[in-house]
Amino acid sequence: MTEEDMMNVVRQAVEDDQPPKQPGASLPVIEINAGDLLGVIEQAEKAILAAPKQRLFQRAGMLVRLKRIAQKTTIKGITRDAGSLIIAEASAECVRLEMARTACYLKWDDRGRKRVETDPPIKYARAIAAQDEFPFKTLLATIETPTLRPDGSVLQKPGYDEATGLYFDSTLTFPTISSDPSRDDAARALREIDDVLKDFPFVDSGGAVANAAILTALVRRVLPAAPMFLFDAPVPASGKSLLASVVGWIATGREPATQPYTGDSEEDRKRIIAALIAGDPVVSFDNISKPLQDDTLCKVLTQPEVDDRLLGTMTNLKLPTCTTFLGTGVNLVVTGRDMVRRVQKCRIDPGMERPEERKFDYVLRDYVMERRAKLVAAALTIMRAYIVAGRPAQKMELYGGFEEWSEMVRAPSSGSAATIRAPHAEKSKISTRIRKSSQTCWPPWNWMTSSRPISPQPISSKRRARMASTQPPTAQTSPCSTKRWRPSAGTVRSTLPPSARRSQNTAAVSSTGAG
C-alpha cells in the first residue's frame, strides 16, 4: 500500500465519522441509541423549538398545527372557503415530519460499522404526541391581518407573537400601522370604512353597528368577550349576507365560516365547539329562521374560555372563545333576556318588495378585496387614534360583560359611541323581537373632531320631521333615516350644543311657516 493509499483510507475514516451534511442548512445531529428514549425526545423537542419557523404548538391541552384548506369544504356542518387557515390536532406523523425538518438523525449500522443517516423512528414521534404536557409555545389563535394587543400596541410582525400567543400568517402585504395617529388620521380612516358601506340602507344606528362589527373582527382575538352581530332586514335579498361577507373579506380575505342555526341545542353546541377548536376567526349563522336562543352561545359570547368535551371523546377542553359571531335573517327574533343583551342588531331596509332587482355599477367583493390592506389599516387607525387621544370619556350606557369591547371598539367606532346602545330585554316579555337600537336622534359627540361630549337629547317624532325638512343631517349617515346623506361642498357641520340648535331650528321653522 502506497503512502497515497494510506492517506485516502485515513481521509475516508474521518469523513465516515462526521455527521452527514444537509444541503442549504446546518441541522443539529441526534444519535439514536437503544434505551435512550427520553434523551432522544428531549433533543428532538429542542431542535423543533430552535427552528426559525414554528409549526407545532399546544392549545387547550392538545398538540396542534396550522393548516390551510385547499378547497371549499363542509366539515361537521361548518362550511369554510378555500384557503381558510384553521387549527388542527397534530398527529404522530405530523410530529415525525417536523422532527425530520429540524434535525439530522443517525443510527448505528452494524454491517458498515459506522453511523448512518436515518428517518426519525415513528415511536419517538408517538411518544412526543402522547404527552400530557408539551414544551411547545402556547397558541391562542391565528390572525391574517395586523391587530392591536390588549395594551393598545400594534401587532404587525408576521409569525408568532410572544406577548399574545397569536400567530400572524398572511400572503398580503399591509401598510405600516402608525403607533401615533392623530384625530385627523382617524377621521380620514373612518371615511375609508364608510365608503365601503355607503350603499347599504341602514336603519337607525345600523351603520355604527356595522362599523363596530368590522372593527371587532380585527381585534376579537385579544378581547375576553364581544357581542354577536345580527344583520336583519324585512325582506330577503336586502344585503344581509353580503354585509356579513364584508366583515369576513376584510378580516380574512374570504367568506366567513358559515353554519346553519337549527334550534337544537345539542346540535348547535357541537358546531360551535367545532368552530372554536378549529379557531375560526369569523363564524356566521346564515339565514336564521328560528328564534335565536342558545345556552352555549351565551357562554361563548361573554366568557374568555369555555369548558367542553372534545367531540367523540371523554376529554374535556378549555377553549378560547375569541371568535367573532355573526347572524343573518329576515325579521330576526331573539328569545330570552340573556341572549337579547348579548347581541347587537344592524337592520337594513331597502324600502322595496324586490330588492334583488337593484342595480349597482360595481361589484362590492372586488371593491373590498382591492382595498383590503388599506381598509384593515384604516380600521386599526381608528382604534389606535382613540387610544392615543387618551380614550376620551364617552356619554354611553354601561354594557355589562363587554367592558373591554366597549373601550376598544364601541367607543371609537364611527366616532359616535352613543349610537351603539346596550340592548335590554323587555321586562314584561321573556320572548321579544330585537329592539331597535335607538329611538332618539341626535348629532353624537364625535371624539375625532370635538373636545368634549354633548349629552344626547331625545327628540319627538314631530320635531324630528320638522328638523329634517329644514336642515340636512349633521352626520354622513343619519341615524333616523335609511337614506345616506353626503354633505355638499361648503356644507359646515354644526358645532352648537343641542339646546342652541333646537332654538335655531325653531326659528327657521317659524320663518318658513312650517310646523
Protein backbone atom coordinates (compact mmCIF):
# COMPACT_ATOMS: atom_id res chain seq x y z
CA MET A 1 0.00 0.00 0.00
CA THR A 2 1.47 3.30 -1.06
CA GLU A 3 1.59 6.40 1.09
CA GLU A 4 -1.13 7.99 -1.04
CA ASP A 5 -3.43 4.98 -0.50
CA MET A 6 -2.89 5.17 3.25
CA MET A 7 -3.84 8.87 3.23
CA ASN A 8 -7.05 8.08 1.32
CA VAL A 9 -8.02 5.46 3.93
CA VAL A 10 -7.44 7.90 6.76
CA ARG A 11 -9.41 10.63 4.94
CA GLN A 12 -12.34 8.25 4.36
CA ALA A 13 -12.36 7.19 8.01
CA VAL A 14 -12.51 10.80 9.13
CA GLU A 15 -15.40 11.55 6.73
CA ASP A 16 -17.33 8.46 7.90
CA ASP A 17 -17.13 9.67 11.48
CA GLN A 18 -18.69 13.07 10.61
CA PRO A 19 -22.45 13.69 10.53
CA PRO A 20 -23.96 13.91 7.06
CA LYS A 21 -24.11 17.40 5.62
CA GLN A 22 -27.53 18.80 4.82
CA PRO A 23 -27.97 20.90 1.67
CA GLY A 24 -28.59 24.57 2.45
CA ALA A 25 -28.63 24.31 6.25
CA SER A 26 -26.69 23.03 9.23
CA LEU A 27 -29.06 20.96 11.37
CA PRO A 28 -28.42 19.58 14.84
CA VAL A 29 -27.41 15.90 14.92
CA ILE A 30 -29.32 13.47 17.14
CA GLU A 31 -27.90 9.98 17.68
CA ILE A 32 -30.41 7.21 18.25
CA ASN A 33 -29.29 4.78 20.90
CA ALA A 34 -31.21 1.86 22.41
CA GLY A 35 -32.51 2.60 25.90
CA ASP A 36 -32.32 6.39 25.45
CA LEU A 37 -35.98 7.21 24.65
CA LEU A 38 -36.22 10.25 26.93
CA GLY A 39 -32.88 11.62 25.77
CA VAL A 40 -33.85 11.43 22.08
CA ILE A 41 -37.26 13.02 22.77
CA GLU A 42 -35.67 15.90 24.69
CA GLN A 43 -33.18 16.59 21.89
CA ALA A 44 -35.91 16.38 19.25
CA GLU A 45 -38.12 18.86 21.10
CA LYS A 46 -35.22 21.30 21.50
CA ALA A 47 -34.49 21.08 17.77
CA ILE A 48 -38.14 21.77 16.90
CA LEU A 49 -38.25 24.80 19.24
CA ALA A 50 -34.99 26.16 17.79
CA ALA A 51 -36.32 26.11 14.22
CA PRO A 52 -36.80 29.55 12.64
CA LYS A 53 -40.46 28.77 11.84
CA GLN A 54 -42.67 27.15 14.45
CA ARG A 55 -45.15 24.57 13.15
CA LEU A 56 -46.17 22.76 16.34
CA PHE A 57 -47.98 24.42 19.25
CA GLN A 58 -50.01 23.50 22.29
CA ARG A 59 -53.56 24.71 22.70
CA ALA A 60 -56.32 23.66 25.10
CA GLY A 61 -54.26 20.66 26.20
CA MET A 62 -53.76 19.43 22.63
CA LEU A 63 -50.73 19.33 20.35
CA VAL A 64 -51.80 21.33 17.30
CA ARG A 65 -50.57 22.66 13.97
CA LEU A 66 -51.73 25.25 11.44
CA LYS A 67 -53.47 24.07 8.28
CA ARG A 68 -54.64 25.76 5.10
CA ILE A 69 -57.73 24.26 3.47
CA ALA A 70 -57.04 23.60 -0.20
CA GLN A 71 -60.65 23.84 -1.41
CA LYS A 72 -64.06 24.87 -0.13
CA THR A 73 -65.35 22.16 2.16
CA THR A 74 -68.02 21.42 4.75
CA ILE A 75 -66.90 19.55 7.88
CA LYS A 76 -69.22 18.87 10.83
CA GLY A 77 -71.78 21.29 9.42
CA ILE A 78 -69.34 24.20 9.04
CA THR A 79 -68.55 25.45 5.53
CA ARG A 80 -65.15 27.04 5.01
CA ASP A 81 -63.73 28.75 1.94
CA ALA A 82 -60.65 27.55 0.11
CA GLY A 83 -57.51 28.92 1.74
CA SER A 84 -59.02 29.11 5.22
CA LEU A 85 -56.43 28.93 7.98
CA ILE A 86 -57.52 26.58 10.77
CA ILE A 87 -56.00 24.91 13.81
CA ALA A 88 -55.85 21.10 13.61
CA GLU A 89 -54.64 18.45 16.01
CA ALA A 90 -51.10 17.29 15.18
CA SER A 91 -50.84 13.54 14.60
CA ALA A 92 -47.73 11.44 15.25
CA GLU A 93 -46.94 11.58 11.52
CA CYS A 94 -47.01 15.39 11.66
CA VAL A 95 -44.60 15.30 14.60
CA ARG A 96 -42.32 12.90 12.71
CA LEU A 97 -42.27 15.21 9.70
CA GLU A 98 -41.32 18.15 11.91
CA MET A 99 -38.58 16.06 13.52
CA ALA A 100 -37.14 15.36 10.06
CA ARG A 101 -37.29 19.07 9.13
CA THR A 102 -35.43 20.27 12.18
CA ALA A 103 -32.69 17.69 12.92
CA CYS A 104 -30.48 15.01 11.37
CA TYR A 105 -30.92 11.57 12.92
CA LEU A 106 -28.14 8.94 12.98
CA LYS A 107 -28.24 5.27 13.86
CA TRP A 108 -25.50 2.65 14.16
CA ASP A 109 -25.06 0.34 11.18
CA ASP A 110 -23.57 -3.00 12.28
CA ARG A 111 -22.68 -4.08 8.74
CA GLY A 112 -20.80 -0.93 7.85
CA ARG A 113 -19.56 -0.44 11.40
CA LYS A 114 -20.47 3.23 11.32
CA ARG A 115 -23.32 5.67 11.96
CA VAL A 116 -25.64 6.37 9.05
CA GLU A 117 -28.44 8.85 8.45
CA THR A 118 -31.99 7.61 9.04
CA ASP A 119 -35.55 8.87 9.21
CA PRO A 120 -36.87 9.70 12.69
CA PRO A 121 -38.43 6.50 14.07
CA ILE A 122 -42.22 6.80 14.45
CA LYS A 123 -42.10 5.55 18.05
CA TYR A 124 -40.38 8.75 19.15
CA ALA A 125 -42.98 10.88 17.35
CA ARG A 126 -45.80 8.93 19.01
CA ALA A 127 -44.20 9.42 22.41
CA ILE A 128 -44.00 13.18 21.87
CA ALA A 129 -47.63 13.39 20.73
CA ALA A 130 -48.86 11.26 23.66
CA GLN A 131 -47.52 13.53 26.41
CA ASP A 132 -49.86 15.24 28.85
CA GLU A 133 -47.73 18.38 28.81
CA PHE A 134 -45.81 19.83 25.90
CA PRO A 135 -42.79 22.15 25.81
CA PHE A 136 -44.06 23.94 22.71
CA LYS A 137 -45.36 27.50 22.61
CA THR A 138 -48.97 28.14 23.60
CA LEU A 139 -51.16 29.19 20.69
CA LEU A 140 -54.19 31.35 21.41
CA ALA A 141 -55.38 31.78 17.83
CA THR A 142 -54.35 32.78 14.32
CA ILE A 143 -54.73 36.16 12.63
CA GLU A 144 -54.42 37.13 8.99
CA THR A 145 -54.19 40.88 9.48
CA PRO A 146 -52.32 43.16 11.86
CA THR A 147 -54.18 43.75 15.12
CA LEU A 148 -53.92 45.57 18.44
CA ARG A 149 -52.63 43.96 21.61
CA PRO A 150 -54.62 44.31 24.85
CA ASP A 151 -52.33 47.19 25.88
CA GLY A 152 -53.18 49.01 22.63
CA SER A 153 -49.83 48.45 20.89
CA VAL A 154 -49.84 47.38 17.25
CA LEU A 155 -49.04 43.78 16.31
CA GLN A 156 -47.94 43.77 12.68
CA LYS A 157 -44.93 41.45 12.51
CA PRO A 158 -45.67 38.07 10.83
CA GLY A 159 -45.09 34.92 12.84
CA TYR A 160 -45.66 34.02 16.48
CA ASP A 161 -46.19 36.87 18.95
CA GLU A 162 -44.92 36.02 22.42
CA ALA A 163 -46.98 38.71 24.16
CA THR A 164 -50.37 37.50 22.92
CA GLY A 165 -49.90 33.90 21.74
CA LEU A 166 -51.22 34.88 18.31
CA TYR A 167 -49.72 33.62 15.06
CA PHE A 168 -49.86 36.18 12.22
CA ASP A 169 -49.85 34.49 8.82
CA SER A 170 -50.82 36.27 5.61
CA THR A 171 -49.72 36.44 1.99
CA LEU A 172 -50.95 40.05 1.72
CA THR A 173 -48.62 42.94 2.45
CA PHE A 174 -50.20 45.52 4.76
CA PRO A 175 -49.13 49.15 5.14
CA THR A 176 -47.36 50.02 8.35
CA ILE A 177 -49.86 50.99 11.04
CA SER A 178 -48.84 54.22 12.75
CA SER A 179 -48.41 53.93 16.51
CA ASP A 180 -49.25 57.62 16.94
CA PRO A 181 -52.12 58.54 14.60
CA SER A 182 -53.93 61.85 15.02
CA ARG A 183 -57.65 62.51 15.20
CA ASP A 184 -57.49 63.74 11.62
CA ASP A 185 -55.98 60.39 10.64
CA ALA A 186 -58.90 58.68 12.36
CA ALA A 187 -61.42 60.86 10.53
CA ARG A 188 -59.84 60.00 7.17
CA ALA A 189 -59.78 56.31 8.13
CA LEU A 190 -63.46 56.46 9.04
CA ARG A 191 -64.28 57.78 5.58
CA GLU A 192 -62.47 54.76 4.09
CA ILE A 193 -64.72 52.39 6.04
CA ASP A 194 -67.86 54.41 5.36
CA ASP A 195 -67.15 54.30 1.64
CA VAL A 196 -67.45 50.51 1.65
CA LEU A 197 -70.82 50.63 3.42
CA LYS A 198 -72.27 53.61 1.55
CA ASP A 199 -74.91 51.67 -0.42
CA PHE A 200 -76.37 49.67 2.48
CA PRO A 201 -79.74 51.18 3.52
CA PHE A 202 -79.14 51.23 7.27
CA VAL A 203 -81.96 51.89 9.72
CA ASP A 204 -81.32 53.87 12.91
CA SER A 205 -77.83 53.10 14.25
CA GLY A 206 -77.25 50.21 11.85
CA GLY A 207 -74.29 51.91 10.23
CA ALA A 208 -72.48 52.33 13.55
CA VAL A 209 -73.12 48.68 14.42
CA ALA A 210 -71.79 47.56 11.02
CA ASN A 211 -68.63 49.59 11.59
CA ALA A 212 -68.28 48.01 15.03
CA ALA A 213 -68.61 44.53 13.53
CA ILE A 214 -65.70 45.23 11.15
CA LEU A 215 -63.52 46.61 13.95
CA THR A 216 -64.44 43.74 16.25
CA ALA A 217 -63.36 41.09 13.73
CA LEU A 218 -59.89 42.67 13.61
CA VAL A 219 -59.30 42.74 17.38
CA ARG A 220 -61.58 39.97 18.68
CA ARG A 221 -58.59 37.69 19.31
CA VAL A 222 -57.37 39.90 22.16
CA LEU A 223 -60.76 40.63 23.73
CA PRO A 224 -62.17 38.45 26.53
CA ALA A 225 -65.73 38.93 25.25
CA ALA A 226 -67.68 40.58 22.44
CA PRO A 227 -71.35 40.62 21.44
CA MET A 228 -72.83 38.79 18.48
CA PHE A 229 -73.73 40.93 15.47
CA LEU A 230 -77.06 40.28 13.74
CA PHE A 231 -77.81 41.63 10.27
CA ASP A 232 -81.56 41.89 9.89
CA ALA A 233 -83.95 43.02 7.15
CA PRO A 234 -87.70 42.98 6.45
CA VAL A 235 -87.40 41.13 3.11
CA PRO A 236 -84.96 38.64 1.51
CA ALA A 237 -82.15 39.80 -0.82
CA SER A 238 -81.71 43.05 1.12
CA GLY A 239 -77.94 42.53 1.56
CA LYS A 240 -77.76 40.88 4.99
CA SER A 241 -75.42 38.05 3.98
CA LEU A 242 -73.42 40.49 1.84
CA LEU A 243 -72.83 42.65 4.89
CA ALA A 244 -71.64 39.61 6.85
CA SER A 245 -69.36 38.76 3.93
CA VAL A 246 -67.80 42.25 4.08
CA VAL A 247 -66.75 41.54 7.67
CA GLY A 248 -65.13 38.27 6.58
CA TRP A 249 -63.47 39.73 3.49
CA ILE A 250 -61.76 42.45 5.50
CA ALA A 251 -60.72 40.21 8.41
CA THR A 252 -59.55 37.16 6.43
CA GLY A 253 -59.81 37.84 2.70
CA ARG A 254 -62.51 35.17 2.43
CA GLU A 255 -66.14 34.46 3.26
CA PRO A 256 -66.81 33.82 6.96
CA ALA A 257 -67.15 30.21 8.05
CA THR A 258 -70.90 29.54 7.82
CA GLN A 259 -73.17 27.15 9.63
CA PRO A 260 -76.95 26.80 9.99
CA TYR A 261 -78.82 27.57 13.18
CA THR A 262 -81.03 24.54 13.85
CA GLY A 263 -82.56 25.47 17.19
CA ASP A 264 -81.42 22.07 18.51
CA SER A 265 -79.22 22.99 21.48
CA GLU A 266 -77.07 19.83 21.30
CA GLU A 267 -76.52 20.02 17.54
CA ASP A 268 -75.71 23.72 17.67
CA ARG A 269 -73.37 23.13 20.63
CA LYS A 270 -71.36 20.59 18.64
CA ARG A 271 -70.90 23.02 15.76
CA ILE A 272 -69.99 25.95 17.98
CA ILE A 273 -67.37 23.85 19.81
CA ALA A 274 -66.03 22.53 16.48
CA ALA A 275 -65.58 26.14 15.29
CA LEU A 276 -63.73 27.06 18.50
CA ILE A 277 -61.45 24.01 18.21
CA ALA A 278 -60.59 24.98 14.63
CA GLY A 279 -60.04 28.59 15.71
CA ASP A 280 -62.29 30.10 13.03
CA PRO A 281 -61.89 33.90 13.20
CA VAL A 282 -65.40 34.75 11.95
CA VAL A 283 -68.45 32.45 12.07
CA SER A 284 -71.80 33.37 10.55
CA PHE A 285 -75.15 31.71 11.25
CA ASP A 286 -76.67 32.29 7.84
CA ASN A 287 -80.41 32.80 7.25
CA ILE A 288 -81.63 32.20 10.80
CA SER A 289 -85.31 31.25 10.58
CA LYS A 290 -85.98 30.20 14.19
CA PRO A 291 -85.94 32.25 17.40
CA LEU A 292 -82.33 32.65 18.49
CA GLN A 293 -81.62 31.27 21.96
CA ASP A 294 -78.69 29.03 22.83
CA ASP A 295 -77.03 28.44 26.19
CA THR A 296 -73.66 27.52 24.66
CA LEU A 297 -73.68 30.68 22.56
CA CYS A 298 -74.50 32.75 25.65
CA LYS A 299 -71.43 31.34 27.43
CA VAL A 300 -69.17 31.75 24.41
CA LEU A 301 -70.11 35.41 23.93
CA THR A 302 -69.31 36.51 27.48
CA GLN A 303 -66.55 34.20 28.74
CA PRO A 304 -62.89 34.24 27.60
CA GLU A 305 -62.78 30.42 27.78
CA VAL A 306 -65.37 27.68 27.73
CA ASP A 307 -65.07 24.16 29.11
CA ASP A 308 -66.50 21.44 26.89
CA ARG A 309 -65.91 17.92 25.73
CA LEU A 310 -63.79 17.04 22.71
CA LEU A 311 -66.19 15.62 20.16
CA GLY A 312 -66.25 11.82 20.17
CA THR A 313 -64.18 11.51 23.35
CA MET A 314 -64.44 11.97 27.11
CA THR A 315 -61.63 14.55 27.11
CA ASN A 316 -62.53 17.99 28.46
CA LEU A 317 -61.07 21.04 26.77
CA LYS A 318 -60.75 24.65 27.89
CA LEU A 319 -61.16 26.50 24.61
CA PRO A 320 -60.55 30.20 23.86
CA THR A 321 -63.74 31.88 22.68
CA CYS A 322 -62.05 34.64 20.63
CA THR A 323 -64.26 34.20 17.55
CA THR A 324 -66.50 36.88 16.04
CA PHE A 325 -70.04 35.53 15.71
CA LEU A 326 -72.47 36.92 13.15
CA GLY A 327 -76.04 36.08 12.21
CA THR A 328 -78.32 36.96 9.31
CA GLY A 329 -82.07 36.61 8.82
CA VAL A 330 -85.39 38.18 7.92
CA ASN A 331 -87.15 39.83 10.87
CA LEU A 332 -84.90 38.07 13.36
CA VAL A 333 -86.32 37.09 16.73
CA VAL A 334 -84.16 36.66 19.84
CA THR A 335 -85.61 34.69 22.74
CA GLY A 336 -84.61 35.14 26.36
CA ARG A 337 -83.21 38.09 28.26
CA ASP A 338 -79.71 36.61 28.45
CA MET A 339 -79.48 36.25 24.68
CA VAL A 340 -81.02 39.65 23.93
CA ARG A 341 -78.36 41.54 25.88
CA ARG A 342 -75.57 39.66 24.09
CA VAL A 343 -76.43 40.80 20.56
CA GLN A 344 -76.07 43.99 18.55
CA LYS A 345 -78.55 44.44 15.73
CA CYS A 346 -77.85 46.08 12.40
CA ARG A 347 -81.05 46.48 10.42
CA ILE A 348 -81.17 47.36 6.75
CA ASP A 349 -84.29 48.18 4.78
CA PRO A 350 -84.13 48.73 1.02
CA GLY A 351 -87.69 50.07 1.07
CA MET A 352 -88.89 47.86 -1.78
CA GLU A 353 -90.53 44.48 -2.25
CA ARG A 354 -87.98 43.09 -4.73
CA PRO A 355 -84.55 44.38 -3.69
CA GLU A 356 -82.82 41.73 -5.84
CA GLU A 357 -83.73 43.89 -8.86
CA ARG A 358 -81.48 46.72 -7.72
CA LYS A 359 -78.55 47.53 -9.98
CA PHE A 360 -75.11 48.73 -8.90
CA ASP A 361 -72.24 49.98 -11.01
CA TYR A 362 -69.57 47.93 -9.20
CA VAL A 363 -69.02 44.53 -7.58
CA LEU A 364 -68.62 45.01 -3.83
CA ARG A 365 -66.41 41.97 -3.32
CA ASP A 366 -63.91 43.17 -5.92
CA TYR A 367 -64.04 46.67 -4.45
CA VAL A 368 -63.27 45.41 -0.94
CA MET A 369 -60.57 42.93 -1.95
CA GLU A 370 -58.71 45.56 -3.97
CA ARG A 371 -58.64 47.85 -0.94
CA ARG A 372 -58.44 45.23 1.81
CA ALA A 373 -54.98 46.20 3.08
CA LYS A 374 -55.97 49.88 3.27
CA LEU A 375 -59.28 49.04 4.97
CA VAL A 376 -57.52 47.00 7.66
CA ALA A 377 -55.08 49.85 8.25
CA ALA A 378 -57.98 52.32 8.41
CA ALA A 379 -59.92 50.29 10.98
CA LEU A 380 -56.87 49.84 13.22
CA THR A 381 -56.00 53.52 12.85
CA ILE A 382 -59.44 54.48 14.22
CA MET A 383 -58.96 52.36 17.34
CA ARG A 384 -55.31 53.28 17.81
CA ALA A 385 -56.04 57.01 17.43
CA TYR A 386 -58.71 56.78 20.13
CA ILE A 387 -56.14 55.23 22.47
CA VAL A 388 -53.52 57.87 21.61
CA ALA A 389 -56.13 60.59 22.25
CA GLY A 390 -56.33 59.35 25.84
CA ARG A 391 -59.52 57.32 25.45
CA PRO A 392 -61.84 60.35 25.79
CA ALA A 393 -64.79 59.65 28.07
CA GLN A 394 -67.98 58.88 26.17
CA LYS A 395 -71.60 59.53 27.05
CA MET A 396 -72.85 55.98 26.62
CA GLU A 397 -74.72 53.39 28.61
CA LEU A 398 -72.81 50.74 30.52
CA TYR A 399 -72.70 47.40 28.74
CA GLY A 400 -72.11 44.80 31.44
CA GLY A 401 -69.95 41.86 30.43
CA PHE A 402 -68.43 43.71 27.46
CA GLU A 403 -66.40 46.42 29.16
CA GLU A 404 -63.14 45.74 27.25
CA TRP A 405 -65.01 45.56 23.95
CA SER A 406 -66.76 48.84 24.72
CA GLU A 407 -63.43 50.54 25.40
CA MET A 408 -61.61 49.19 22.36
CA VAL A 409 -64.40 49.04 19.76
CA ARG A 410 -67.67 50.60 20.84
CA ALA A 411 -66.25 53.92 21.98
CA PRO A 412 -64.14 54.75 18.91
CA SER A 413 -66.31 53.09 16.24
CA SER A 414 -67.89 55.54 13.80
CA GLY A 415 -66.91 58.40 16.07
CA SER A 416 -70.37 58.05 17.64
CA ALA A 417 -70.30 55.61 20.50
CA ALA A 418 -73.61 56.84 21.86
CA THR A 419 -75.46 55.37 18.88
CA ILE A 420 -74.37 51.81 19.78
CA ARG A 421 -76.60 51.11 22.72
CA ALA A 422 -76.61 48.35 25.28
CA PRO A 423 -79.70 46.23 24.49
CA HIS A 424 -82.11 45.28 27.27
CA ALA A 425 -84.80 42.63 27.33
CA GLU A 426 -88.36 43.75 27.83
CA LYS A 427 -89.26 43.12 31.46
CA SER A 428 -92.80 42.14 30.54
CA LYS A 429 -91.77 39.60 27.92
CA ILE A 430 -89.18 36.85 28.00
CA SER A 431 -89.53 36.32 24.25
CA THR A 432 -89.09 39.53 22.33
CA ARG A 433 -88.13 40.78 18.93
CA ILE A 434 -84.83 42.56 18.79
CA ARG A 435 -85.44 46.08 19.89
CA LYS A 436 -84.43 48.95 17.69
CA SER A 437 -81.07 50.12 18.96
CA SER A 438 -82.19 53.69 19.43
CA GLN A 439 -85.34 55.78 19.09
CA THR A 440 -83.54 59.03 19.79
CA CYS A 441 -81.91 61.17 17.15
CA TRP A 442 -79.01 63.46 17.96
CA PRO A 443 -75.74 64.55 16.47
CA PRO A 444 -73.49 62.42 18.75
CA TRP A 445 -70.19 63.61 20.09
CA ASN A 446 -67.51 62.75 17.59
CA TRP A 447 -64.28 62.36 19.57
CA MET A 448 -62.33 62.78 16.31
CA THR A 449 -63.37 66.43 15.99
CA SER A 450 -64.83 67.58 19.35
CA SER A 451 -63.12 68.49 22.58
CA ARG A 452 -65.94 67.50 24.94
CA PRO A 453 -69.03 65.32 24.81
CA ILE A 454 -72.52 66.54 24.03
CA SER A 455 -75.26 64.90 26.06
CA PRO A 456 -77.86 63.18 23.87
CA GLN A 457 -81.32 64.73 23.99
CA PRO A 458 -84.49 62.83 22.99
CA ILE A 459 -86.41 64.48 20.18
CA SER A 460 -90.06 63.87 19.42
CA SER A 461 -91.13 62.45 16.06
CA LYS A 462 -92.85 65.73 15.08
CA ARG A 463 -89.77 67.81 15.88
CA ARG A 464 -87.58 65.29 14.07
CA ALA A 465 -89.77 65.69 10.96
CA ARG A 466 -89.54 69.48 11.14
CA MET A 467 -85.75 69.32 11.57
CA ALA A 468 -85.42 67.01 8.60
CA SER A 469 -87.37 69.45 6.45
CA THR A 470 -85.31 72.49 7.43
CA GLN A 471 -81.70 71.29 7.64
CA PRO A 472 -79.62 68.36 6.43
CA PRO A 473 -78.42 65.69 8.87
CA THR A 474 -75.19 66.55 10.66
CA ALA A 475 -73.57 63.15 10.10
CA GLN A 476 -72.66 61.33 6.93
CA THR A 477 -75.38 58.83 7.73
CA SER A 478 -78.47 60.00 9.55
CA PRO A 479 -79.35 57.55 12.33
CA CYS A 480 -83.03 58.32 11.73
CA SER A 481 -83.13 57.69 8.01
CA THR A 482 -82.45 54.80 5.69
CA LYS A 483 -81.01 57.17 3.11
CA ARG A 484 -77.39 58.22 3.21
CA TRP A 485 -76.61 61.90 3.04
CA ARG A 486 -73.38 63.20 1.58
CA PRO A 487 -72.53 66.78 2.52
CA SER A 488 -72.14 69.05 -0.47
CA ALA A 489 -69.18 71.34 -0.94
CA GLY A 490 -69.31 74.21 1.53
CA THR A 491 -71.62 72.49 4.00
CA VAL A 492 -70.41 73.11 7.53
CA ARG A 493 -71.24 70.73 10.34
CA SER A 494 -72.88 72.49 13.25
CA THR A 495 -70.86 72.60 16.47
CA LEU A 496 -73.62 74.23 18.54
CA PRO A 497 -74.95 72.39 21.59
CA PRO A 498 -78.36 70.70 21.20
CA SER A 499 -80.25 73.46 23.04
CA ALA A 500 -78.86 76.14 20.71
CA ARG A 501 -79.55 74.03 17.65
CA ARG A 502 -83.15 73.47 18.75
CA SER A 503 -83.63 77.20 19.13
CA GLN A 504 -82.08 77.75 15.72
CA ASN A 505 -84.34 75.11 14.19
CA THR A 506 -87.44 76.57 15.83
CA ALA A 507 -86.59 79.99 14.43
CA ALA A 508 -86.05 78.52 11.00
CA VAL A 509 -89.38 76.71 11.14
CA SER A 510 -91.17 79.86 12.24
CA SER A 511 -89.63 81.89 9.42
CA THR A 512 -90.79 79.38 6.82
CA GLY A 513 -94.24 79.00 8.28
CA ALA A 514 -93.79 75.29 8.74
CA GLY A 515 -94.98 73.35 11.73
